[in-house]
Each structure stands twice: as structure tokens, then as C-alpha cells.
């Protein structure tokens, strides 16, 4: 019968420690509880391996002692794969453990500032890393543009990927300062490049080296040189996820250039975040993205900041391929932020024309518009152009401050949206809007186009409820569910 923890077999205690994840350096005290725990921990390399991923493992206050601990943990991880997180100032510690680099699986190094070419040389000087799969190099303050040319740029055309040095590299995440083209090898599945300046010609040329790439994410990567519009398209046949984020800089030309020069499968997930007041010209004019042609569901949301905060506006566009559930990641996402809502020339602005222009090739059947801002212009030409661009709409959902223009468009002759079956409306008009709603749907029914489903709600909960007389008239022209609040 067991009476104390010391009666447990040491193998069981080792198994428990393998499942334990230390949270900071103080958890080393577990090895001082008793001789049994110390013996068990000395035979548990998984426990010590987790310490090496703590960002605060090496401190300046007790630097020599921290370094000694670091070396001790590296030794105790044998024969486990190494996962190491380092501050940039301690990067050269890797040179002192050459016998352990052969089992380095995961490396994350963070600098505040750095000389890019110096870091690149030091990284390449480590030699072959045969087991590394995840490499992340970041800098808080990237180098100023043009201060440090790429180490390999001059001879890029002659460079061969370092396949033998990094045969298993699957995830590469860097600032442009630390982007080494020869490290972009064929085994790479994910490439993430964060804030900074780089040559887009170098980037596109390098991407040809990894046709198996599945995820490409660029965040505030700005062109360092004049863009070469004559560059050939890069074909990425296995790409599943393309993300271009430029919310902090109005660098529309960077998004356009990348979309024009990269070809990916039609089912790839696409996310674009911009700081610009229009979407016009975002996609290639003469060759729309295959994804745009496949879209069946389109969601457009416009929102402004909370009360009391500066008025900033965001245009979010989400597109879904037919059959994609709403709880799954969107296949297309465009996020457009700007301030103020009026464009730089101060005239009233509507995003509808540019949305129509960019998605006019799509077979959209499900459209959702959230346009809840009084300053947003949604005039008759906008709604007419929108419905003419998507004549196959089956489902329409709209949130808007006033839906009177929408009603006029829906009952206009010749009738728009002849296939419409489902209508969901939320608006801020007064109680008289109920009559406008009834008249609109009766006019459509008289022309042979009855709705299957209607959901209508006032944005102002104090409005007078719909009358029984209006509700009865709606039941005569709608064959299915009716919800009016």
C-alpha cells in the first residue's frame, strides 16, 4: 500500500514531469524538493527543454549565473530536439554549442536593433542545421531603408538554395533585415515577413524556389526599389493562405504589385488589409483572380470607432466560396481602414462603386451589407449598380441607417434581383417604414417575384411595432417565414 510519494516508482514520477510545463525560471525549484524528484528530473530531458524557450531565461542582473543555467539546460535536454529562444545580444551562444546544433529544431531570436548583414553572416556561419524546422528572426526597430543592402542581392541570380544546410526547414519568419534568399528552400511551407523595406524583385525571384509553399504572409513589407512591372508571375500551385497586411501605411501600390505578380489556386484563402479609401484597381484588370470568379457569398461591413474616440472607419469585405460554412475561415477577406470617411478631396464617399468594379466577375448569390454610418453615402445609383452587378442574388441582408433608397431600387421597373428569395433588413427609419416595406414587396409579388423569407427589425427599439393590417398584407405576398420586429 502506498503511504507517501516516495513509494511511487520513479518511472511514474518521470512520466508526470514529462507532462508538466514550467512557466518561468522559478520552477527549477522542483528539483530541490527531495532527492527522488531530483533524480527523476535528471532523467526527464523534456522538462529542461521547455526552459530554453523562456524569453527571460538569461537576465542581465545575474548574467553569468543565467548563462551557466542555459548551458546546463542545453546539456540536460539530450537526446531531445532543441527549442531555443534568445535575445539578439546572446545569439553568439549558438556558436559555443556546435555539438548540439545538429538537434536544433526551433529557433527564435529577437533583436532591438541590428546590422542586417552582420546578423545574416553570423547565421550562415553556424553551418548546417539538419533538423531545424522553425526559424524566426525579428527586430523591434528595422534598419532604415537603403542603409543595408541584401548580403546576397548582388549575386542572387547565381545562388542556389541551401537545401543541404536546411533540408527540413518548414517555417521561416523574419524581418526584411534578416531575409536570406538562399534559405528559402524547397521544403518551406510557411514564409512570414514582417515590417521593413525589401526588394520586391528579390522576393518574387526567391519565391520561385519553393513551389510547395502553402502559406505566405507579408505585414507592412514596403518596396525598397522602384517596382518592376515587367516581372513574370510567380506560380505558387500549393498556396492555401495569402495574407497582405498594410493597415498602418497607405501603400496601395505594394498590394497591387503583389496581387498582379503572384498566381495561386482559386481556393486559396486571401486576406488583404489596407489603409486606403477605395478598392478600385486592387485586382488585375485584364485577369481577375480565379478566387473572385468563384465567390458565392459576399459580406461588406462598415464601422466607425466608439463614441468619444476619433472617427476612424473600416471597410471589411469577406468572401466565401460556395459550400464554405460561415464558421470556417473566409476564403477572401479585405479590410480597408481610413480616417476620415470622406476621401482626401472631401466629397461624400461610397465604397459601393469600387466593390462592384472589383467583384463584377463573381457569381454572388448571398450578399450581406452592414452600412451603419450616417455619413456613408448609399444613393440610388449605388444600389442600382450593386444589384445590376450581382443579378443572381438569392439572399440579401442589409443593415443601414435608412433603407428608403433600397426600397425604391427593389421595386423599380424593370425589376432587379429576379431570383431573390430571402431578405433581411435592419434600418433606423421611423415607423412609417413599415408601409414602404409592404408596398415594395407587394409590387414585386404582382410582377411574379414572391419572397420565401423576410426578416425585418428596427435599429431603434422604441419604434412602434408593425400593425396587424400591414402584417396581414405581408402574409399575402410572402410564402414562407416572416419575422418583423
Protein backbone atom coordinates (compact mmCIF):
# COMPACT_ATOMS: atom_id res chain seq x y z
CA UNK A 1 0.00 0.00 0.00
CA UNK A 2 1.34 3.46 -0.94
CA UNK A 3 1.79 5.81 2.01
CA UNK A 4 3.93 8.68 0.63
CA UNK A 5 5.08 10.00 -2.71
CA UNK A 6 8.41 8.27 -2.11
CA UNK A 7 6.65 4.94 -2.51
CA UNK A 8 5.79 5.76 -6.14
CA UNK A 9 8.00 4.16 -8.78
CA UNK A 10 10.45 6.68 -10.24
CA UNK A 11 9.25 5.83 -13.76
CA UNK A 12 5.79 7.19 -12.86
CA UNK A 13 7.26 10.42 -11.47
CA UNK A 14 9.32 10.83 -14.66
CA UNK A 15 6.16 10.41 -16.72
CA UNK A 16 4.40 13.10 -14.66
CA UNK A 17 7.28 15.55 -15.19
CA UNK A 18 7.21 14.89 -18.93
CA UNK A 19 3.66 16.22 -18.94
CA UNK A 20 4.50 19.25 -16.80
CA UNK A 21 5.21 22.59 -18.49
CA UNK A 22 7.30 25.02 -16.43
CA UNK A 23 6.13 28.63 -16.70
CA UNK A 24 9.25 30.53 -15.59
CA UNK A 25 12.75 30.04 -14.19
CA UNK A 26 11.50 29.64 -10.63
CA UNK A 27 10.11 26.20 -11.50
CA UNK A 28 13.65 24.88 -11.27
CA UNK A 29 12.94 24.69 -7.52
CA UNK A 30 11.11 21.42 -8.22
CA UNK A 31 14.50 19.74 -8.44
CA UNK A 32 15.19 20.79 -4.83
CA UNK A 33 12.07 19.27 -3.26
CA UNK A 34 13.69 15.95 -2.48
CA UNK A 35 16.30 13.53 -3.77
CA UNK A 36 13.64 11.42 -5.52
CA UNK A 37 12.32 14.38 -7.51
CA UNK A 38 15.87 15.48 -8.33
CA UNK A 39 16.72 12.00 -9.62
CA UNK A 40 13.52 11.88 -11.66
CA UNK A 41 14.09 15.31 -13.19
CA UNK A 42 17.65 14.46 -14.16
CA UNK A 43 16.15 11.67 -16.26
CA UNK A 44 13.48 13.94 -17.82
CA UNK A 45 15.03 15.92 -20.70
CA UNK A 46 11.58 17.16 -21.80
CA UNK A 47 11.32 19.20 -18.58
CA UNK A 48 14.61 21.05 -19.13
CA UNK A 49 13.96 21.58 -22.82
CA UNK A 50 11.00 23.84 -22.08
CA UNK A 51 13.15 26.27 -20.08
CA UNK A 52 15.14 27.12 -23.20
CA UNK A 53 12.08 28.76 -24.79
CA UNK A 54 11.59 31.32 -21.98
CA UNK A 55 12.37 34.86 -23.22
CA UNK A 56 13.61 35.87 -19.76
CA UNK A 57 15.83 32.87 -19.09
CA UNK A 58 19.03 34.92 -19.46
CA UNK A 59 18.92 38.13 -17.41
CA UNK A 60 21.40 41.00 -17.15
CA UNK A 61 21.09 41.16 -13.35
CA UNK A 62 22.59 37.70 -12.91
CA UNK A 63 24.15 37.28 -16.33
CA UNK A 64 26.96 34.82 -15.54
CA UNK A 65 24.67 32.63 -13.47
CA UNK A 66 21.98 32.74 -16.19
CA UNK A 67 24.49 31.67 -18.83
CA UNK A 68 25.60 28.77 -16.65
CA UNK A 69 21.98 27.67 -16.27
CA UNK A 70 21.49 27.96 -20.03
CA UNK A 71 24.43 25.65 -20.78
CA UNK A 72 23.21 23.23 -18.11
CA UNK A 73 19.73 23.09 -19.63
CA UNK A 74 21.17 22.51 -23.12
CA UNK A 75 23.14 19.53 -21.80
CA UNK A 76 20.19 18.10 -19.89
CA UNK A 77 17.96 18.09 -22.98
CA UNK A 78 19.93 15.28 -24.61
CA UNK A 79 18.80 13.49 -26.73
CA UNK A 80 15.69 15.67 -27.25
CA UNK A 81 15.41 18.15 -30.10
CA UNK A 82 16.43 21.66 -29.07
CA UNK A 83 13.96 24.54 -28.99
CA UNK A 84 15.77 27.80 -28.24
CA UNK A 85 14.64 31.39 -27.74
CA UNK A 86 17.36 34.04 -27.42
CA UNK A 87 17.77 37.76 -27.18
CA UNK A 88 19.78 39.10 -30.11
CA UNK A 89 22.65 40.02 -27.81
CA UNK A 90 23.08 36.34 -26.91
CA UNK A 91 22.88 34.99 -30.46
CA UNK A 92 26.56 34.03 -30.44
CA UNK A 93 25.90 31.49 -27.69
CA UNK A 94 24.91 29.16 -30.52
CA UNK A 95 28.50 29.18 -31.79
CA UNK A 96 29.64 27.73 -28.46
CA UNK A 97 27.47 24.59 -28.72
CA UNK A 98 28.34 23.19 -32.17
CA UNK A 99 27.81 19.62 -30.97
CA UNK A 100 24.18 20.44 -30.10
CA UNK A 101 23.23 22.32 -33.28
CA UNK A 102 22.63 19.02 -35.04
CA UNK A 103 19.45 18.63 -32.96
CA UNK A 104 18.22 22.24 -33.15
CA UNK A 105 14.55 22.06 -34.19
CA UNK A 106 13.14 25.51 -33.31
CA UNK A 107 14.96 28.85 -33.04
CA UNK A 108 13.53 32.29 -32.23
CA UNK A 109 15.87 35.28 -31.86
CA UNK A 110 14.69 38.83 -31.12
CA UNK A 111 16.85 41.95 -31.59
CA UNK A 112 16.01 45.54 -30.70
CA UNK A 113 18.31 46.91 -33.41
CA UNK A 114 20.81 45.09 -35.58
CA UNK A 115 23.13 45.39 -38.56
CA UNK A 116 21.31 43.13 -41.03
CA UNK A 117 24.34 41.96 -42.99
CA UNK A 118 26.20 41.16 -39.78
CA UNK A 119 23.32 39.03 -38.49
CA UNK A 120 22.96 37.28 -41.85
CA UNK A 121 26.66 36.38 -41.90
CA UNK A 122 26.57 35.10 -38.32
CA UNK A 123 23.54 32.95 -39.09
CA UNK A 124 25.11 31.42 -42.19
CA UNK A 125 28.35 30.87 -40.25
CA UNK A 126 26.55 28.40 -37.97
CA UNK A 127 26.72 25.97 -40.87
CA UNK A 128 24.36 23.11 -41.47
CA UNK A 129 21.25 22.84 -39.28
CA UNK A 130 19.94 19.47 -40.48
CA UNK A 131 16.97 19.22 -38.08
CA UNK A 132 15.73 22.80 -37.93
CA UNK A 133 12.09 23.17 -38.94
CA UNK A 134 11.08 26.54 -37.48
CA UNK A 135 13.28 29.67 -37.72
CA UNK A 136 12.09 33.07 -36.52
CA UNK A 137 14.31 36.17 -36.54
CA UNK A 138 12.78 39.52 -35.55
CA UNK A 139 13.89 43.10 -34.94
CA UNK A 140 11.96 45.72 -32.96
CA UNK A 141 13.41 48.59 -35.00
CA UNK A 142 14.23 47.53 -38.57
CA UNK A 143 17.13 49.16 -40.39
CA UNK A 144 16.38 52.39 -42.30
CA UNK A 145 15.68 51.94 -45.99
CA UNK A 146 18.79 51.60 -48.19
CA UNK A 147 21.18 51.56 -45.24
CA UNK A 148 22.00 47.88 -45.57
CA UNK A 149 21.73 46.20 -48.97
CA UNK A 150 20.99 42.49 -49.01
CA UNK A 151 24.01 40.33 -48.36
CA UNK A 152 23.21 38.11 -51.34
CA UNK A 153 21.49 40.58 -53.66
CA UNK A 154 24.44 41.18 -55.98
CA UNK A 155 24.78 37.52 -56.85
CA UNK A 156 21.20 36.41 -56.34
CA UNK A 157 20.76 35.03 -59.85
CA UNK A 158 23.66 32.62 -59.34
CA UNK A 159 22.72 31.50 -55.83
CA UNK A 160 21.40 28.01 -55.22
CA UNK A 161 19.09 27.30 -52.26
CA UNK A 162 20.92 25.87 -49.26
CA UNK A 163 18.99 22.63 -49.39
CA UNK A 164 21.70 20.51 -47.77
CA UNK A 165 22.19 23.01 -44.92
CA UNK A 166 18.44 23.33 -44.14
CA UNK A 167 16.82 20.17 -45.53
CA UNK A 168 13.84 20.21 -43.12
CA UNK A 169 13.11 23.94 -42.81
CA UNK A 170 9.33 24.39 -42.99
CA UNK A 171 8.62 27.70 -41.24
CA UNK A 172 10.66 30.89 -41.87
CA UNK A 173 9.58 34.12 -40.15
CA UNK A 174 11.81 37.19 -40.49
CA UNK A 175 12.06 40.93 -40.88
CA UNK A 176 13.35 42.02 -44.29
CA UNK A 177 16.63 42.76 -42.48
CA UNK A 178 17.17 39.04 -41.98
CA UNK A 179 15.73 37.73 -45.24
CA UNK A 180 18.33 35.45 -46.86
CA UNK A 181 17.13 34.25 -50.28
CA UNK A 182 19.24 31.11 -50.27
CA UNK A 183 17.48 29.97 -47.07
CA UNK A 184 14.16 29.84 -48.91
CA UNK A 185 14.41 26.15 -49.74
CA UNK A 186 12.04 23.74 -51.41
CA UNK A 187 10.89 22.19 -48.12
CA UNK A 188 9.48 25.54 -46.91
CA UNK A 189 5.73 25.53 -46.21
CA UNK A 190 5.27 28.87 -44.41
CA UNK A 191 7.01 32.19 -45.12
CA UNK A 192 6.19 35.22 -42.97
CA UNK A 193 7.90 38.58 -43.47
CA UNK A 194 7.23 41.42 -41.04
CA UNK A 195 7.68 45.17 -41.12
CA UNK A 196 10.52 46.71 -43.13
CA UNK A 197 11.82 47.52 -46.61
CA UNK A 198 12.99 44.98 -49.16
CA UNK A 199 13.38 44.47 -52.87
CA UNK A 200 10.16 43.06 -54.31
CA UNK A 201 12.11 41.77 -57.31
CA UNK A 202 14.28 39.74 -54.93
CA UNK A 203 11.20 38.47 -53.10
CA UNK A 204 9.40 37.32 -56.25
CA UNK A 205 12.53 35.72 -57.67
CA UNK A 206 13.10 33.88 -54.40
CA UNK A 207 9.54 32.57 -54.24
CA UNK A 208 10.20 30.56 -57.39
CA UNK A 209 12.49 28.37 -55.27
CA UNK A 210 9.65 26.99 -53.13
CA UNK A 211 6.71 25.83 -55.27
CA UNK A 212 5.49 23.79 -52.29
CA UNK A 213 4.81 26.93 -50.23
CA UNK A 214 1.40 26.73 -48.51
CA UNK A 215 1.25 29.97 -46.50
CA UNK A 216 2.66 33.41 -47.39
CA UNK A 217 2.07 36.36 -45.06
CA UNK A 218 3.53 39.82 -45.60
CA UNK A 219 2.91 42.52 -43.00
CA UNK A 220 3.93 46.11 -43.83
CA UNK A 221 6.68 44.97 -46.17
CA UNK A 222 7.44 48.03 -48.27
CA UNK A 223 9.28 48.17 -51.61
CA UNK A 224 12.82 49.48 -51.29
CA UNK A 225 13.41 49.87 -55.02
CA UNK A 226 11.24 51.04 -57.93
CA UNK A 227 8.78 48.27 -58.75
CA UNK A 228 9.48 46.27 -61.90
CA UNK A 229 6.08 45.85 -63.53
CA UNK A 230 7.56 43.67 -66.28
CA UNK A 231 8.36 40.83 -63.86
CA UNK A 232 6.82 37.47 -64.70
CA UNK A 233 4.15 35.99 -62.46
CA UNK A 234 5.25 33.61 -59.74
CA UNK A 235 3.17 30.44 -59.75
CA UNK A 236 2.50 29.00 -56.28
CA UNK A 237 0.39 25.93 -57.02
CA UNK A 238 0.09 24.74 -53.41
CA UNK A 239 -0.60 28.07 -51.71
CA UNK A 240 -3.54 27.87 -49.28
CA UNK A 241 -3.15 31.14 -47.39
CA UNK A 242 -2.06 34.54 -48.75
CA UNK A 243 -2.16 37.48 -46.35
CA UNK A 244 -1.13 41.05 -47.21
CA UNK A 245 -1.40 43.50 -44.30
CA UNK A 246 -0.86 47.23 -44.83
CA UNK A 247 -3.16 48.88 -42.29
CA UNK A 248 -0.50 51.30 -40.96
CA UNK A 249 0.77 52.58 -44.31
CA UNK A 250 -1.22 53.74 -47.37
CA UNK A 251 0.96 51.58 -49.62
CA UNK A 252 -1.68 50.52 -52.09
CA UNK A 253 0.89 50.03 -54.85
CA UNK A 254 2.58 47.25 -52.86
CA UNK A 255 -0.68 45.29 -52.58
CA UNK A 256 -1.44 45.78 -56.26
CA UNK A 257 2.04 44.72 -57.35
CA UNK A 258 1.99 41.54 -55.28
CA UNK A 259 -1.51 40.53 -56.38
CA UNK A 260 -0.59 41.17 -60.01
CA UNK A 261 2.58 39.07 -59.84
CA UNK A 262 1.55 36.04 -57.79
CA UNK A 263 -0.70 33.28 -59.09
CA UNK A 264 -2.26 30.95 -56.55
CA UNK A 265 -5.04 28.33 -56.65
CA UNK A 266 -8.60 29.58 -56.82
CA UNK A 267 -9.43 28.01 -53.45
CA UNK A 268 -6.58 29.74 -51.60
CA UNK A 269 -7.63 31.89 -48.66
CA UNK A 270 -6.86 35.54 -49.38
CA UNK A 271 -6.71 38.30 -46.77
CA UNK A 272 -5.89 41.90 -47.69
CA UNK A 273 -5.69 44.69 -45.11
CA UNK A 274 -5.12 48.21 -46.41
CA UNK A 275 -5.20 51.83 -45.31
CA UNK A 276 -6.82 53.35 -48.36
CA UNK A 277 -10.19 54.89 -49.19
CA UNK A 278 -11.05 52.83 -52.26
CA UNK A 279 -10.64 49.31 -53.60
CA UNK A 280 -10.69 50.29 -57.27
CA UNK A 281 -7.90 48.69 -59.26
CA UNK A 282 -6.90 46.36 -56.46
CA UNK A 283 -7.13 43.21 -58.58
CA UNK A 284 -5.64 42.71 -62.05
CA UNK A 285 -7.87 44.42 -64.59
CA UNK A 286 -7.38 42.06 -67.52
CA UNK A 287 -7.11 38.86 -65.48
CA UNK A 288 -9.27 38.81 -62.35
CA UNK A 289 -8.19 36.46 -59.60
CA UNK A 290 -9.70 32.99 -60.03
CA UNK A 291 -10.99 33.29 -56.47
CA UNK A 292 -13.02 36.40 -57.31
CA UNK A 293 -14.87 34.50 -60.03
CA UNK A 294 -15.76 31.64 -57.65
CA UNK A 295 -17.19 33.74 -54.83
CA UNK A 296 -20.81 32.93 -54.00
CA UNK A 297 -21.19 34.84 -50.72
CA UNK A 298 -20.05 38.40 -50.07
CA UNK A 299 -20.17 40.28 -46.76
CA UNK A 300 -19.46 44.02 -46.58
CA UNK A 301 -19.25 45.73 -43.17
CA UNK A 302 -18.50 49.36 -42.44
CA UNK A 303 -17.97 50.51 -38.88
CA UNK A 304 -16.65 53.56 -37.05
CA UNK A 305 -14.85 53.93 -33.74
CA UNK A 306 -16.55 54.08 -30.35
CA UNK A 307 -18.15 57.29 -29.12
CA UNK A 308 -15.61 59.78 -27.82
CA UNK A 309 -12.77 58.36 -29.90
CA UNK A 310 -11.52 59.91 -33.16
CA UNK A 311 -13.69 58.99 -36.13
CA UNK A 312 -11.88 56.22 -37.94
CA UNK A 313 -13.61 53.93 -40.38
CA UNK A 314 -13.04 50.40 -41.51
CA UNK A 315 -14.33 48.65 -44.60
CA UNK A 316 -14.26 44.88 -44.16
CA UNK A 317 -15.04 42.58 -47.06
CA UNK A 318 -15.32 38.84 -46.57
CA UNK A 319 -15.94 36.46 -49.44
CA UNK A 320 -16.88 32.81 -49.25
CA UNK A 321 -16.66 30.13 -51.88
CA UNK A 322 -19.87 28.17 -52.39
CA UNK A 323 -20.24 25.50 -49.72
CA UNK A 324 -17.92 27.20 -47.23
CA UNK A 325 -19.56 27.37 -43.82
CA UNK A 326 -19.65 30.78 -42.14
CA UNK A 327 -17.87 29.43 -39.08
CA UNK A 328 -14.88 28.49 -41.23
CA UNK A 329 -12.12 30.95 -42.16
CA UNK A 330 -13.19 33.15 -45.09
CA UNK A 331 -11.74 32.43 -48.49
CA UNK A 332 -11.36 36.15 -49.19
CA UNK A 333 -11.02 38.98 -46.71
CA UNK A 334 -10.32 42.64 -47.45
CA UNK A 335 -10.00 45.11 -44.60
CA UNK A 336 -9.77 48.78 -45.57
CA UNK A 337 -9.19 51.35 -42.83
CA UNK A 338 -9.07 55.11 -43.26
CA UNK A 339 -9.81 58.37 -41.50
CA UNK A 340 -11.90 60.40 -42.03
CA UNK A 341 -14.62 58.66 -44.03
CA UNK A 342 -14.69 61.41 -46.65
CA UNK A 343 -11.93 60.90 -49.20
CA UNK A 344 -8.96 63.29 -49.39
CA UNK A 345 -10.91 65.66 -51.67
CA UNK A 346 -13.69 65.99 -49.05
CA UNK A 347 -16.61 64.84 -51.15
CA UNK A 348 -19.10 62.32 -49.85
CA UNK A 349 -17.82 58.82 -50.41
CA UNK A 350 -19.36 55.43 -51.05
CA UNK A 351 -17.34 52.21 -51.33
CA UNK A 352 -20.06 50.58 -53.45
CA UNK A 353 -18.69 51.54 -56.91
CA UNK A 354 -15.27 50.08 -56.17
CA UNK A 355 -16.83 46.91 -54.70
CA UNK A 356 -18.93 46.49 -57.83
CA UNK A 357 -15.89 47.09 -60.01
CA UNK A 358 -13.68 44.55 -58.24
CA UNK A 359 -16.27 41.75 -57.88
CA UNK A 360 -18.30 42.18 -61.04
CA UNK A 361 -16.96 38.85 -62.35
CA UNK A 362 -18.31 36.96 -59.34
CA UNK A 363 -21.43 34.81 -59.29
CA UNK A 364 -22.52 36.23 -55.93
CA UNK A 365 -25.76 34.68 -54.64
CA UNK A 366 -25.55 35.75 -51.00
CA UNK A 367 -24.84 39.42 -50.19
CA UNK A 368 -24.66 40.97 -46.74
CA UNK A 369 -24.18 44.73 -46.30
CA UNK A 370 -23.58 46.41 -42.94
CA UNK A 371 -23.50 50.16 -43.66
CA UNK A 372 -24.27 51.66 -40.28
CA UNK A 373 -22.96 55.18 -40.54
CA UNK A 374 -24.91 58.36 -41.26
CA UNK A 375 -22.00 59.88 -43.21
CA UNK A 376 -21.86 56.97 -45.61
CA UNK A 377 -23.42 57.70 -48.96
CA UNK A 378 -25.73 54.96 -50.28
CA UNK A 379 -27.61 56.64 -53.08
CA UNK A 380 -29.89 55.25 -55.76
CA UNK A 381 -27.11 54.85 -58.37
CA UNK A 382 -25.08 52.86 -55.82
CA UNK A 383 -27.82 50.35 -55.04
CA UNK A 384 -28.79 50.08 -58.72
CA UNK A 385 -25.19 49.40 -59.75
CA UNK A 386 -24.80 46.87 -56.95
CA UNK A 387 -27.86 44.84 -57.93
CA UNK A 388 -27.05 45.04 -61.64
CA UNK A 389 -23.58 43.66 -60.90
CA UNK A 390 -24.99 40.69 -58.96
CA UNK A 391 -28.24 39.74 -60.74
CA UNK A 392 -28.13 36.16 -59.42
CA UNK A 393 -28.64 37.20 -55.79
CA UNK A 394 -30.82 34.75 -53.87
CA UNK A 395 -30.25 36.18 -50.39
CA UNK A 396 -29.82 39.83 -49.40
CA UNK A 397 -29.15 41.12 -45.87
CA UNK A 398 -28.74 44.85 -45.21
CA UNK A 399 -28.08 46.93 -42.09
CA UNK A 400 -28.35 50.65 -42.87
CA UNK A 401 -29.47 53.89 -41.24
CA UNK A 402 -32.12 54.44 -43.94
CA UNK A 403 -33.50 51.81 -46.30
CA UNK A 404 -35.86 54.07 -48.31
CA UNK A 405 -33.45 54.23 -51.27
CA UNK A 406 -33.14 50.46 -51.12
CA UNK A 407 -36.93 50.05 -51.33
CA UNK A 408 -37.13 52.32 -54.37
CA UNK A 409 -34.48 50.24 -56.13
CA UNK A 410 -36.14 46.92 -55.27
CA UNK A 411 -39.49 47.92 -56.77
CA UNK A 412 -38.10 49.76 -59.78
CA UNK A 413 -39.09 48.54 -63.24
CA UNK A 414 -37.59 46.57 -64.90
CA UNK A 415 -37.42 44.54 -61.74
CA UNK A 416 -33.95 43.95 -60.28
CA UNK A 417 -32.89 40.77 -58.47
CA UNK A 418 -35.46 38.45 -60.09
CA UNK A 419 -34.10 35.42 -58.18
CA UNK A 420 -34.26 37.00 -54.71
CA UNK A 421 -35.83 34.62 -52.16
CA UNK A 422 -34.59 35.85 -48.78
CA UNK A 423 -34.50 39.46 -47.50
CA UNK A 424 -33.13 40.53 -44.11
CA UNK A 425 -33.32 44.24 -43.22
CA UNK A 426 -32.30 46.31 -40.21
CA UNK A 427 -32.75 50.07 -40.50
CA UNK A 428 -33.14 53.23 -38.46
CA UNK A 429 -36.17 54.74 -40.21
CA UNK A 430 -39.32 55.73 -38.34
CA UNK A 431 -42.49 53.65 -38.02
CA UNK A 432 -43.68 54.76 -41.47
CA UNK A 433 -41.09 52.44 -42.95
CA UNK A 434 -43.47 49.50 -42.44
CA UNK A 435 -45.77 50.84 -45.14
CA UNK A 436 -42.84 51.34 -47.54
CA UNK A 437 -41.76 47.75 -46.87
CA UNK A 438 -45.24 46.38 -47.62
CA UNK A 439 -45.64 48.42 -50.80
CA UNK A 440 -42.23 47.29 -52.06
CA UNK A 441 -42.86 43.58 -51.53
CA UNK A 442 -46.38 43.81 -52.97
CA UNK A 443 -45.00 45.45 -56.11
CA UNK A 444 -42.51 42.61 -56.53
CA UNK A 445 -45.18 39.97 -55.91
CA UNK A 446 -47.50 41.50 -58.54
CA UNK A 447 -44.66 41.05 -61.03
CA UNK A 448 -44.36 37.38 -60.08
CA UNK A 449 -41.44 37.54 -57.64
CA UNK A 450 -42.52 36.49 -54.15
CA UNK A 451 -40.11 36.19 -51.25
CA UNK A 452 -39.65 32.92 -49.37
CA UNK A 453 -38.33 34.59 -46.20
CA UNK A 454 -38.48 38.08 -44.65
CA UNK A 455 -36.74 39.32 -41.52
CA UNK A 456 -37.16 42.99 -40.62
CA UNK A 457 -36.00 44.80 -37.47
CA UNK A 458 -35.86 48.40 -36.30
CA UNK A 459 -32.47 49.53 -35.04
CA UNK A 460 -34.39 51.81 -32.66
CA UNK A 461 -36.23 49.53 -30.18
CA UNK A 462 -38.62 52.39 -29.24
CA UNK A 463 -40.29 52.41 -32.66
CA UNK A 464 -43.97 51.49 -32.95
CA UNK A 465 -44.48 47.77 -33.79
CA UNK A 466 -45.86 46.82 -37.18
CA UNK A 467 -49.66 46.91 -37.38
CA UNK A 468 -51.76 43.77 -37.85
CA UNK A 469 -53.08 45.24 -41.10
CA UNK A 470 -49.56 45.58 -42.56
CA UNK A 471 -48.61 42.15 -41.25
CA UNK A 472 -51.65 40.59 -42.95
CA UNK A 473 -50.69 42.19 -46.26
CA UNK A 474 -47.18 40.78 -45.93
CA UNK A 475 -48.57 37.27 -45.37
CA UNK A 476 -50.42 37.54 -48.67
CA UNK A 477 -47.23 38.13 -50.70
CA UNK A 478 -44.64 36.05 -48.79
CA UNK A 479 -44.94 32.29 -48.98
CA UNK A 480 -42.60 31.41 -46.12
CA UNK A 481 -41.30 32.73 -42.79
CA UNK A 482 -41.98 36.33 -41.71
CA UNK A 483 -40.24 37.97 -38.74
CA UNK A 484 -40.87 41.68 -38.15
CA UNK A 485 -39.64 43.40 -35.00
